[in-house]
PDB file of N, CA and C in Angstrom:
ATOM      1  N   GLY A   1     -18.437  18.192  89.141  1.00  0.00           N
ATOM      2  CA  GLY A   1     -19.034  17.003  88.618  1.00  0.00           C
ATOM      3  C   GLY A   1     -18.546  16.697  87.200  1.00  0.00           C
ATOM      4  N   PHE A   2     -19.192  15.723  86.615  1.00  0.00           N
ATOM      5  CA  PHE A   2     -18.779  15.277  85.288  1.00  0.00           C
ATOM      6  C   PHE A   2     -18.896  16.387  84.242  1.00  0.00           C
ATOM      7  N   GLN A   3     -19.852  17.302  84.435  1.00  0.00           N
ATOM      8  CA  GLN A   3     -20.020  18.394  83.469  1.00  0.00           C
ATOM      9  C   GLN A   3     -18.764  19.263  83.405  1.00  0.00           C
ATOM     10  N   GLN A   4     -18.025  19.374  84.515  1.00  0.00           N
ATOM     11  CA  GLN A   4     -16.775  20.137  84.546  1.00  0.00           C
ATOM     12  C   GLN A   4     -15.605  19.307  84.039  1.00  0.00           C
ATOM     13  N   VAL A   5     -15.645  18.022  84.292  1.00  0.00           N
ATOM     14  CA  VAL A   5     -14.534  17.131  83.956  1.00  0.00           C
ATOM     15  C   VAL A   5     -14.495  16.776  82.464  1.00  0.00           C
ATOM     16  N   GLN A   6     -15.650  16.550  81.869  1.00  0.00           N
ATOM     17  CA  GLN A   6     -15.685  16.105  80.482  1.00  0.00           C
ATOM     18  C   GLN A   6     -14.954  17.056  79.522  1.00  0.00           C
ATOM     19  N   PRO A   7     -15.162  18.379  79.613  1.00  0.00           N
ATOM     20  CA  PRO A   7     -14.419  19.253  78.699  1.00  0.00           C
ATOM     21  C   PRO A   7     -12.913  19.231  78.939  1.00  0.00           C
ATOM     22  N   ILE A   8     -12.485  19.052  80.188  1.00  0.00           N
ATOM     23  CA  ILE A   8     -11.051  18.956  80.478  1.00  0.00           C
ATOM     24  C   ILE A   8     -10.474  17.745  79.769  1.00  0.00           C
ATOM     25  N   ILE A   9     -11.140  16.615  79.906  1.00  0.00           N
ATOM     26  CA  ILE A   9     -10.655  15.390  79.281  1.00  0.00           C
ATOM     27  C   ILE A   9     -10.675  15.516  77.759  1.00  0.00           C
ATOM     28  N   ARG A  10     -11.732  16.120  77.232  1.00  0.00           N
ATOM     29  CA  ARG A  10     -11.830  16.304  75.774  1.00  0.00           C
ATOM     30  C   ARG A  10     -10.684  17.186  75.263  1.00  0.00           C
ATOM     31  N   GLU A  11     -10.373  18.258  75.974  1.00  0.00           N
ATOM     32  CA  GLU A  11      -9.356  19.209  75.523  1.00  0.00           C
ATOM     33  C   GLU A  11      -7.930  18.774  75.839  1.00  0.00           C
ATOM     34  N   ARG A  12      -7.733  18.097  76.951  1.00  0.00           N
ATOM     35  CA  ARG A  12      -6.369  17.787  77.404  1.00  0.00           C
ATOM     36  C   ARG A  12      -5.925  16.352  77.158  1.00  0.00           C
ATOM     37  N   CYS A  13      -6.881  15.425  77.002  1.00  0.00           N
ATOM     38  CA  CYS A  13      -6.525  14.001  76.949  1.00  0.00           C
ATOM     39  C   CYS A  13      -6.870  13.327  75.620  1.00  0.00           C
ATOM     40  N   VAL A  14      -8.023  13.681  75.072  1.00  0.00           N
ATOM     41  CA  VAL A  14      -8.552  12.967  73.902  1.00  0.00           C
ATOM     42  C   VAL A  14      -7.731  13.213  72.637  1.00  0.00           C
ATOM     43  N   THR A  15      -6.896  14.246  72.633  1.00  0.00           N
ATOM     44  CA  THR A  15      -6.050  14.461  71.456  1.00  0.00           C
ATOM     45  C   THR A  15      -5.183  13.236  71.171  1.00  0.00           C
ATOM     46  N   CYS A  16      -4.828  12.503  72.217  1.00  0.00           N
ATOM     47  CA  CYS A  16      -4.070  11.250  72.067  1.00  0.00           C
ATOM     48  C   CYS A  16      -4.918  10.027  72.420  1.00  0.00           C
ATOM     49  N   HIS A  17      -5.659  10.114  73.522  1.00  0.00           N
ATOM     50  CA  HIS A  17      -6.412   8.963  74.043  1.00  0.00           C
ATOM     51  C   HIS A  17      -7.807   8.891  73.432  1.00  0.00           C
ATOM     52  N   SER A  18      -7.834   8.461  72.176  1.00  0.00           N
ATOM     53  CA  SER A  18      -9.079   8.368  71.420  1.00  0.00           C
ATOM     54  C   SER A  18      -8.945   7.259  70.386  1.00  0.00           C
ATOM     55  N   ALA A  19     -10.078   6.788  69.908  1.00  0.00           N
ATOM     56  CA  ALA A  19     -10.051   5.817  68.810  1.00  0.00           C
ATOM     57  C   ALA A  19      -9.422   6.459  67.565  1.00  0.00           C
ATOM     58  N   ARG A  20      -9.554   7.791  67.468  1.00  0.00           N
ATOM     59  CA  ARG A  20      -8.954   8.546  66.360  1.00  0.00           C
ATOM     60  C   ARG A  20      -8.181   9.740  66.911  1.00  0.00           C
ATOM     61  N   PRO A  21      -6.964   9.528  67.403  1.00  0.00           N
ATOM     62  CA  PRO A  21      -6.181  10.637  67.958  1.00  0.00           C
ATOM     63  C   PRO A  21      -5.957  11.736  66.915  1.00  0.00           C
ATOM     64  N   THR A  22      -6.017  12.985  67.361  1.00  0.00           N
ATOM     65  CA  THR A  22      -5.729  14.101  66.459  1.00  0.00           C
ATOM     66  C   THR A  22      -4.274  14.531  66.554  1.00  0.00           C
ATOM     67  N   ASP A  23      -3.561  14.111  67.609  1.00  0.00           N
ATOM     68  CA  ASP A  23      -2.139  14.416  67.744  1.00  0.00           C
ATOM     69  C   ASP A  23      -1.370  13.550  66.749  1.00  0.00           C
ATOM     70  N   PRO A  24      -0.605  14.169  65.851  1.00  0.00           N
ATOM     71  CA  PRO A  24       0.106  13.389  64.820  1.00  0.00           C
ATOM     72  C   PRO A  24       1.167  12.443  65.362  1.00  0.00           C
ATOM     73  N   THR A  25       1.573  12.632  66.606  1.00  0.00           N
ATOM     74  CA  THR A  25       2.579  11.762  67.218  1.00  0.00           C
ATOM     75  C   THR A  25       2.028  10.370  67.487  1.00  0.00           C
ATOM     76  N   PHE A  26       0.710  10.279  67.692  1.00  0.00           N
ATOM     77  CA  PHE A  26       0.100   9.015  68.088  1.00  0.00           C
ATOM     78  C   PHE A  26      -0.945   8.563  67.072  1.00  0.00           C
ATOM     79  N   PRO A  27      -0.580   7.632  66.192  1.00  0.00           N
ATOM     80  CA  PRO A  27      -1.561   7.123  65.232  1.00  0.00           C
ATOM     81  C   PRO A  27      -2.644   6.269  65.895  1.00  0.00           C
ATOM     82  N   ALA A  28      -2.352   5.783  67.103  1.00  0.00           N
ATOM     83  CA  ALA A  28      -3.318   5.002  67.877  1.00  0.00           C
ATOM     84  C   ALA A  28      -3.207   5.449  69.335  1.00  0.00           C
ATOM     85  N   ALA A  29      -4.260   5.219  70.081  1.00  0.00           N
ATOM     86  CA  ALA A  29      -4.280   5.630  71.488  1.00  0.00           C
ATOM     87  C   ALA A  29      -3.170   4.940  72.273  1.00  0.00           C
ATOM     88  N   PRO A  30      -2.344   5.708  72.999  1.00  0.00           N
ATOM     89  CA  PRO A  30      -1.287   5.105  73.806  1.00  0.00           C
ATOM     90  C   PRO A  30      -1.859   4.094  74.806  1.00  0.00           C
ATOM     91  N   ALA A  31      -1.247   2.925  74.846  1.00  0.00           N
ATOM     92  CA  ALA A  31      -1.644   1.832  75.748  1.00  0.00           C
ATOM     93  C   ALA A  31      -3.094   1.410  75.543  1.00  0.00           C
ATOM     94  N   GLY A  32      -3.690   1.793  74.420  1.00  0.00           N
ATOM     95  CA  GLY A  32      -5.072   1.443  74.149  1.00  0.00           C
ATOM     96  C   GLY A  32      -6.076   2.184  75.024  1.00  0.00           C
ATOM     97  N   VAL A  33      -5.617   3.208  75.751  1.00  0.00           N
ATOM     98  CA  VAL A  33      -6.479   3.977  76.652  1.00  0.00           C
ATOM     99  C   VAL A  33      -7.248   5.018  75.850  1.00  0.00           C
ATOM    100  N   MET A  34      -8.583   4.922  75.901  1.00  0.00           N
ATOM    101  CA  MET A  34      -9.436   5.844  75.151  1.00  0.00           C
ATOM    102  C   MET A  34     -10.499   6.452  76.051  1.00  0.00           C
ATOM    103  N   PHE A  35     -10.753   7.729  75.812  1.00  0.00           N
ATOM    104  CA  PHE A  35     -11.741   8.479  76.588  1.00  0.00           C
ATOM    105  C   PHE A  35     -12.811   9.073  75.676  1.00  0.00           C
ATOM    106  N   ASP A  36     -13.323   8.287  74.763  1.00  0.00           N
ATOM    107  CA  ASP A  36     -14.305   8.781  73.798  1.00  0.00           C
ATOM    108  C   ASP A  36     -15.726   8.841  74.349  1.00  0.00           C
ATOM    109  N   THR A  37     -16.012   8.052  75.369  1.00  0.00           N
ATOM    110  CA  THR A  37     -17.371   8.037  75.918  1.00  0.00           C
ATOM    111  C   THR A  37     -17.318   8.293  77.425  1.00  0.00           C
ATOM    112  N   PRO A  38     -18.412   8.794  77.992  1.00  0.00           N
ATOM    113  CA  PRO A  38     -18.448   8.967  79.445  1.00  0.00           C
ATOM    114  C   PRO A  38     -18.162   7.673  80.194  1.00  0.00           C
ATOM    115  N   GLU A  39     -18.635   6.560  79.672  1.00  0.00           N
ATOM    116  CA  GLU A  39     -18.419   5.271  80.329  1.00  0.00           C
ATOM    117  C   GLU A  39     -16.938   4.889  80.339  1.00  0.00           C
ATOM    118  N   GLN A  40     -16.230   5.170  79.244  1.00  0.00           N
ATOM    119  CA  GLN A  40     -14.789   4.898  79.213  1.00  0.00           C
ATOM    120  C   GLN A  40     -14.063   5.770  80.233  1.00  0.00           C
ATOM    121  N   ILE A  41     -14.462   7.024  80.307  1.00  0.00           N
ATOM    122  CA  ILE A  41     -13.843   7.948  81.254  1.00  0.00           C
ATOM    123  C   ILE A  41     -14.071   7.463  82.683  1.00  0.00           C
ATOM    124  N   GLN A  42     -15.299   7.101  82.994  1.00  0.00           N
ATOM    125  CA  GLN A  42     -15.620   6.643  84.346  1.00  0.00           C
ATOM    126  C   GLN A  42     -14.870   5.356  84.683  1.00  0.00           C
ATOM    127  N   ALA A  43     -14.807   4.426  83.748  1.00  0.00           N
ATOM    128  CA  ALA A  43     -14.132   3.149  83.991  1.00  0.00           C
ATOM    129  C   ALA A  43     -12.642   3.343  84.286  1.00  0.00           C
ATOM    130  N   LEU A  44     -12.056   4.402  83.753  1.00  0.00           N
ATOM    131  CA  LEU A  44     -10.631   4.664  83.936  1.00  0.00           C
ATOM    132  C   LEU A  44     -10.368   5.803  84.919  1.00  0.00           C
ATOM    133  N   ALA A  45     -11.361   6.147  85.725  1.00  0.00           N
ATOM    134  CA  ALA A  45     -11.245   7.285  86.649  1.00  0.00           C
ATOM    135  C   ALA A  45     -10.038   7.160  87.582  1.00  0.00           C
ATOM    136  N   ALA A  46      -9.789   5.984  88.117  1.00  0.00           N
ATOM    137  CA  ALA A  46      -8.659   5.811  89.040  1.00  0.00           C
ATOM    138  C   ALA A  46      -7.334   6.062  88.322  1.00  0.00           C
ATOM    139  N   ARG A  47      -7.240   5.590  87.097  1.00  0.00           N
ATOM    140  CA  ARG A  47      -6.008   5.794  86.318  1.00  0.00           C
ATOM    141  C   ARG A  47      -5.843   7.270  85.943  1.00  0.00           C
ATOM    142  N   ILE A  48      -6.941   7.914  85.574  1.00  0.00           N
ATOM    143  CA  ILE A  48      -6.901   9.346  85.257  1.00  0.00           C
ATOM    144  C   ILE A  48      -6.407  10.109  86.490  1.00  0.00           C
ATOM    145  N   HIS A  49      -6.973   9.791  87.643  1.00  0.00           N
ATOM    146  CA  HIS A  49      -6.586  10.456  88.891  1.00  0.00           C
ATOM    147  C   HIS A  49      -5.113  10.252  89.194  1.00  0.00           C
ATOM    148  N   GLU A  50      -4.664   9.017  89.087  1.00  0.00           N
ATOM    149  CA  GLU A  50      -3.264   8.711  89.393  1.00  0.00           C
ATOM    150  C   GLU A  50      -2.313   9.476  88.483  1.00  0.00           C
ATOM    151  N   ARG A  51      -2.609   9.478  87.191  1.00  0.00           N
ATOM    152  CA  ARG A  51      -1.684  10.069  86.215  1.00  0.00           C
ATOM    153  C   ARG A  51      -1.759  11.593  86.145  1.00  0.00           C
ATOM    154  N   THR A  52      -2.941  12.176  86.382  1.00  0.00           N
ATOM    155  CA  THR A  52      -3.066  13.630  86.231  1.00  0.00           C
ATOM    156  C   THR A  52      -2.984  14.396  87.545  1.00  0.00           C
ATOM    157  N   VAL A  53      -3.417  13.767  88.641  1.00  0.00           N
ATOM    158  CA  VAL A  53      -3.480  14.473  89.925  1.00  0.00           C
ATOM    159  C   VAL A  53      -2.341  14.050  90.847  1.00  0.00           C
ATOM    160  N   VAL A  54      -2.137  12.744  90.991  1.00  0.00           N
ATOM    161  CA  VAL A  54      -1.139  12.243  91.943  1.00  0.00           C
ATOM    162  C   VAL A  54       0.276  12.376  91.377  1.00  0.00           C
ATOM    163  N   ASN A  55       0.533  11.745  90.230  1.00  0.00           N
ATOM    164  CA  ASN A  55       1.884  11.733  89.660  1.00  0.00           C
ATOM    165  C   ASN A  55       2.150  12.885  88.701  1.00  0.00           C
ATOM    166  N   LYS A  56       1.091  13.477  88.163  1.00  0.00           N
ATOM    167  CA  LYS A  56       1.192  14.575  87.188  1.00  0.00           C
ATOM    168  C   LYS A  56       2.070  14.208  85.988  1.00  0.00           C
ATOM    169  N   THR A  57       1.966  12.935  85.549  1.00  0.00           N
ATOM    170  CA  THR A  57       2.728  12.482  84.385  1.00  0.00           C
ATOM    171  C   THR A  57       1.918  12.602  83.095  1.00  0.00           C
ATOM    172  N   MET A  58       0.657  12.969  83.226  1.00  0.00           N
ATOM    173  CA  MET A  58      -0.193  13.190  82.066  1.00  0.00           C
ATOM    174  C   MET A  58      -0.822  14.563  82.197  1.00  0.00           C
ATOM    175  N   PRO A  59      -1.061  15.213  81.106  1.00  0.00           N
ATOM    176  CA  PRO A  59      -0.678  14.888  79.739  1.00  0.00           C
ATOM    177  C   PRO A  59       0.852  14.802  79.602  1.00  0.00           C
ATOM    178  N   LEU A  60       1.294  13.943  78.715  1.00  0.00           N
ATOM    179  CA  LEU A  60       2.715  13.715  78.491  1.00  0.00           C
ATOM    180  C   LEU A  60       3.414  15.039  78.222  1.00  0.00           C
ATOM    181  N   GLY A  61       4.374  15.381  79.069  1.00  0.00           N
ATOM    182  CA  GLY A  61       5.088  16.637  78.927  1.00  0.00           C
ATOM    183  C   GLY A  61       4.174  17.854  79.034  1.00  0.00           C
ATOM    184  N   ASN A  62       2.970  17.635  79.521  1.00  0.00           N
ATOM    185  CA  ASN A  62       1.913  18.646  79.592  1.00  0.00           C
ATOM    186  C   ASN A  62       1.754  19.389  78.259  1.00  0.00           C
ATOM    187  N   LEU A  63       1.820  18.617  77.188  1.00  0.00           N
ATOM    188  CA  LEU A  63       1.714  19.194  75.841  1.00  0.00           C
ATOM    189  C   LEU A  63       0.403  19.932  75.600  1.00  0.00           C
ATOM    190  N   THR A  64      -0.665  19.535  76.292  1.00  0.00           N
ATOM    191  CA  THR A  64      -1.957  20.198  76.089  1.00  0.00           C
ATOM    192  C   THR A  64      -2.233  21.255  77.168  1.00  0.00           C
ATOM    193  N   ASN A  65      -1.212  21.549  77.966  1.00  0.00           N
ATOM    194  CA  ASN A  65      -1.288  22.648  78.945  1.00  0.00           C
ATOM    195  C   ASN A  65      -2.400  22.501  79.979  1.00  0.00           C
ATOM    196  N   MET A  66      -2.505  21.326  80.591  1.00  0.00           N
ATOM    197  CA  MET A  66      -3.462  21.145  81.681  1.00  0.00           C
ATOM    198  C   MET A  66      -3.062  22.059  82.836  1.00  0.00           C
ATOM    199  N   THR A  67      -4.032  22.772  83.381  1.00  0.00           N
ATOM    200  CA  THR A  67      -3.760  23.708  84.467  1.00  0.00           C
ATOM    201  C   THR A  67      -3.885  23.017  85.818  1.00  0.00           C
ATOM    202  N   GLU A  68      -3.342  23.664  86.852  1.00  0.00           N
ATOM    203  CA  GLU A  68      -3.484  23.135  88.214  1.00  0.00           C
ATOM    204  C   GLU A  68      -4.952  23.080  88.606  1.00  0.00           C
ATOM    205  N   GLN A  69      -5.727  24.088  88.220  1.00  0.00           N
ATOM    206  CA  GLN A  69      -7.162  24.103  88.543  1.00  0.00           C
ATOM    207  C   GLN A  69      -7.869  22.915  87.903  1.00  0.00           C
ATOM    208  N   GLU A  70      -7.494  22.571  86.673  1.00  0.00           N
ATOM    209  CA  GLU A  70      -8.098  21.405  86.017  1.00  0.00           C
ATOM    210  C   GLU A  70      -7.732  20.130  86.763  1.00  0.00           C
ATOM    211  N   ARG A  71      -6.513  20.041  87.234  1.00  0.00           N
ATOM    212  CA  ARG A  71      -6.094  18.869  88.013  1.00  0.00           C
ATOM    213  C   ARG A  71      -6.898  18.777  89.312  1.00  0.00           C
ATOM    214  N   VAL A  72      -7.140  19.922  89.951  1.00  0.00           N
ATOM    215  CA  VAL A  72      -7.941  19.956  91.174  1.00  0.00           C
ATOM    216  C   VAL A  72      -9.358  19.455  90.881  1.00  0.00           C
ATOM    217  N   LEU A  73      -9.961  19.920  89.802  1.00  0.00           N
ATOM    218  CA  LEU A  73     -11.313  19.491  89.445  1.00  0.00           C
ATOM    219  C   LEU A  73     -11.366  17.993  89.170  1.00  0.00           C
ATOM    220  N   LEU A  74     -10.361  17.466  88.470  1.00  0.00           N
ATOM    221  CA  LEU A  74     -10.305  16.021  88.221  1.00  0.00           C
ATOM    222  C   LEU A  74     -10.207  15.262  89.546  1.00  0.00           C
ATOM    223  N   GLY A  75      -9.383  15.760  90.459  1.00  0.00           N
ATOM    224  CA  GLY A  75      -9.239  15.116  91.764  1.00  0.00           C
ATOM    225  C   GLY A  75     -10.530  15.134  92.562  1.00  0.00           C
ATOM    226  N   GLN A  76     -11.222  16.261  92.544  1.00  0.00           N
ATOM    227  CA  GLN A  76     -12.492  16.359  93.268  1.00  0.00           C
ATOM    228  C   GLN A  76     -13.523  15.408  92.687  1.00  0.00           C
ATOM    229  N   TRP A  77     -13.573  15.317  91.377  1.00  0.00           N
ATOM    230  CA  TRP A  77     -14.514  14.409  90.716  1.00  0.00           C
ATOM    231  C   TRP A  77     -14.213  12.965  91.125  1.00  0.00           C
ATOM    232  N   PHE A  78     -12.943  12.585  91.093  1.00  0.00           N
ATOM    233  CA  PHE A  78     -12.567  11.226  91.472  1.00  0.00           C
ATOM    234  C   PHE A  78     -12.921  10.958  92.937  1.00  0.00           C
ATOM    235  N   GLN A  79     -12.590  11.893  93.818  1.00  0.00           N
ATOM    236  CA  GLN A  79     -12.849  11.710  95.250  1.00  0.00           C
ATOM    237  C   GLN A  79     -14.340  11.609  95.556  1.00  0.00           C
ATOM    238  N   SER A  80     -15.187  12.190  94.689  1.00  0.00           N
ATOM    239  CA  SER A  80     -16.633  12.119  94.912  1.00  0.00           C
ATOM    240  C   SER A  80     -17.247  10.850  94.324  1.00  0.00           C
ATOM    241  N   GLY A  81     -16.391   9.949  93.829  1.00  0.00           N
ATOM    242  CA  GLY A  81     -16.866   8.673  93.319  1.00  0.00           C
ATOM    243  C   GLY A  81     -16.963   8.602  91.796  1.00  0.00           C
ATOM    244  N   ALA A  82     -16.438   9.609  91.104  1.00  0.00           N
ATOM    245  CA  ALA A  82     -16.415   9.657  89.636  1.00  0.00           C
ATOM    246  C   ALA A  82     -17.805   9.474  89.009  1.00  0.00           C
ATOM    247  N   PRO A  83     -18.786  10.246  89.505  1.00  0.00           N
ATOM    248  CA  PRO A  83     -20.135  10.102  88.965  1.00  0.00           C
ATOM    249  C   PRO A  83     -20.242  10.685  87.547  1.00  0.00           C
ATOM    250  N   LEU A  84     -21.189  10.149  86.772  1.00  0.00           N
ATOM    251  CA  LEU A  84     -21.432  10.679  85.428  1.00  0.00           C
ATOM    252  C   LEU A  84     -22.490  11.766  85.438  1.00  0.00           C
ATOM    253  N   GLN A  85     -23.165  11.920  86.552  1.00  0.00           N
ATOM    254  CA  GLN A  85     -24.198  12.984  86.652  1.00  0.00           C
ATOM    255  C   GLN A  85     -23.663  14.150  87.447  1.00  0.00           C
TER     256      GLN A  85
END
C-alpha cells in the first residue's frame, strides 16, 4: 500500500522531483513533475508506473539505486488502484 510506496518515492524520486530538489543537477523539478504530497503522487501514479516499472527509465540512470523489489512494490500499488490508504 501507500505506506510502503511513500518512502520509496521520498528516497528515490523526490531528490529531483520536488519543489525544492536536493540533487544539485536539477535546480527545478524535471518536467515540473513533483512528488511532495500524497495527492501529487497519486495523481501521477500512471506515469510513475510507466517510468519506474514498465520502462525502468527512472530514476535517471538509477542514480538513487532503486531496487527491483521497490519497483515491484510500486507496480503492485499501481495495479491495486494507487490508493492513499
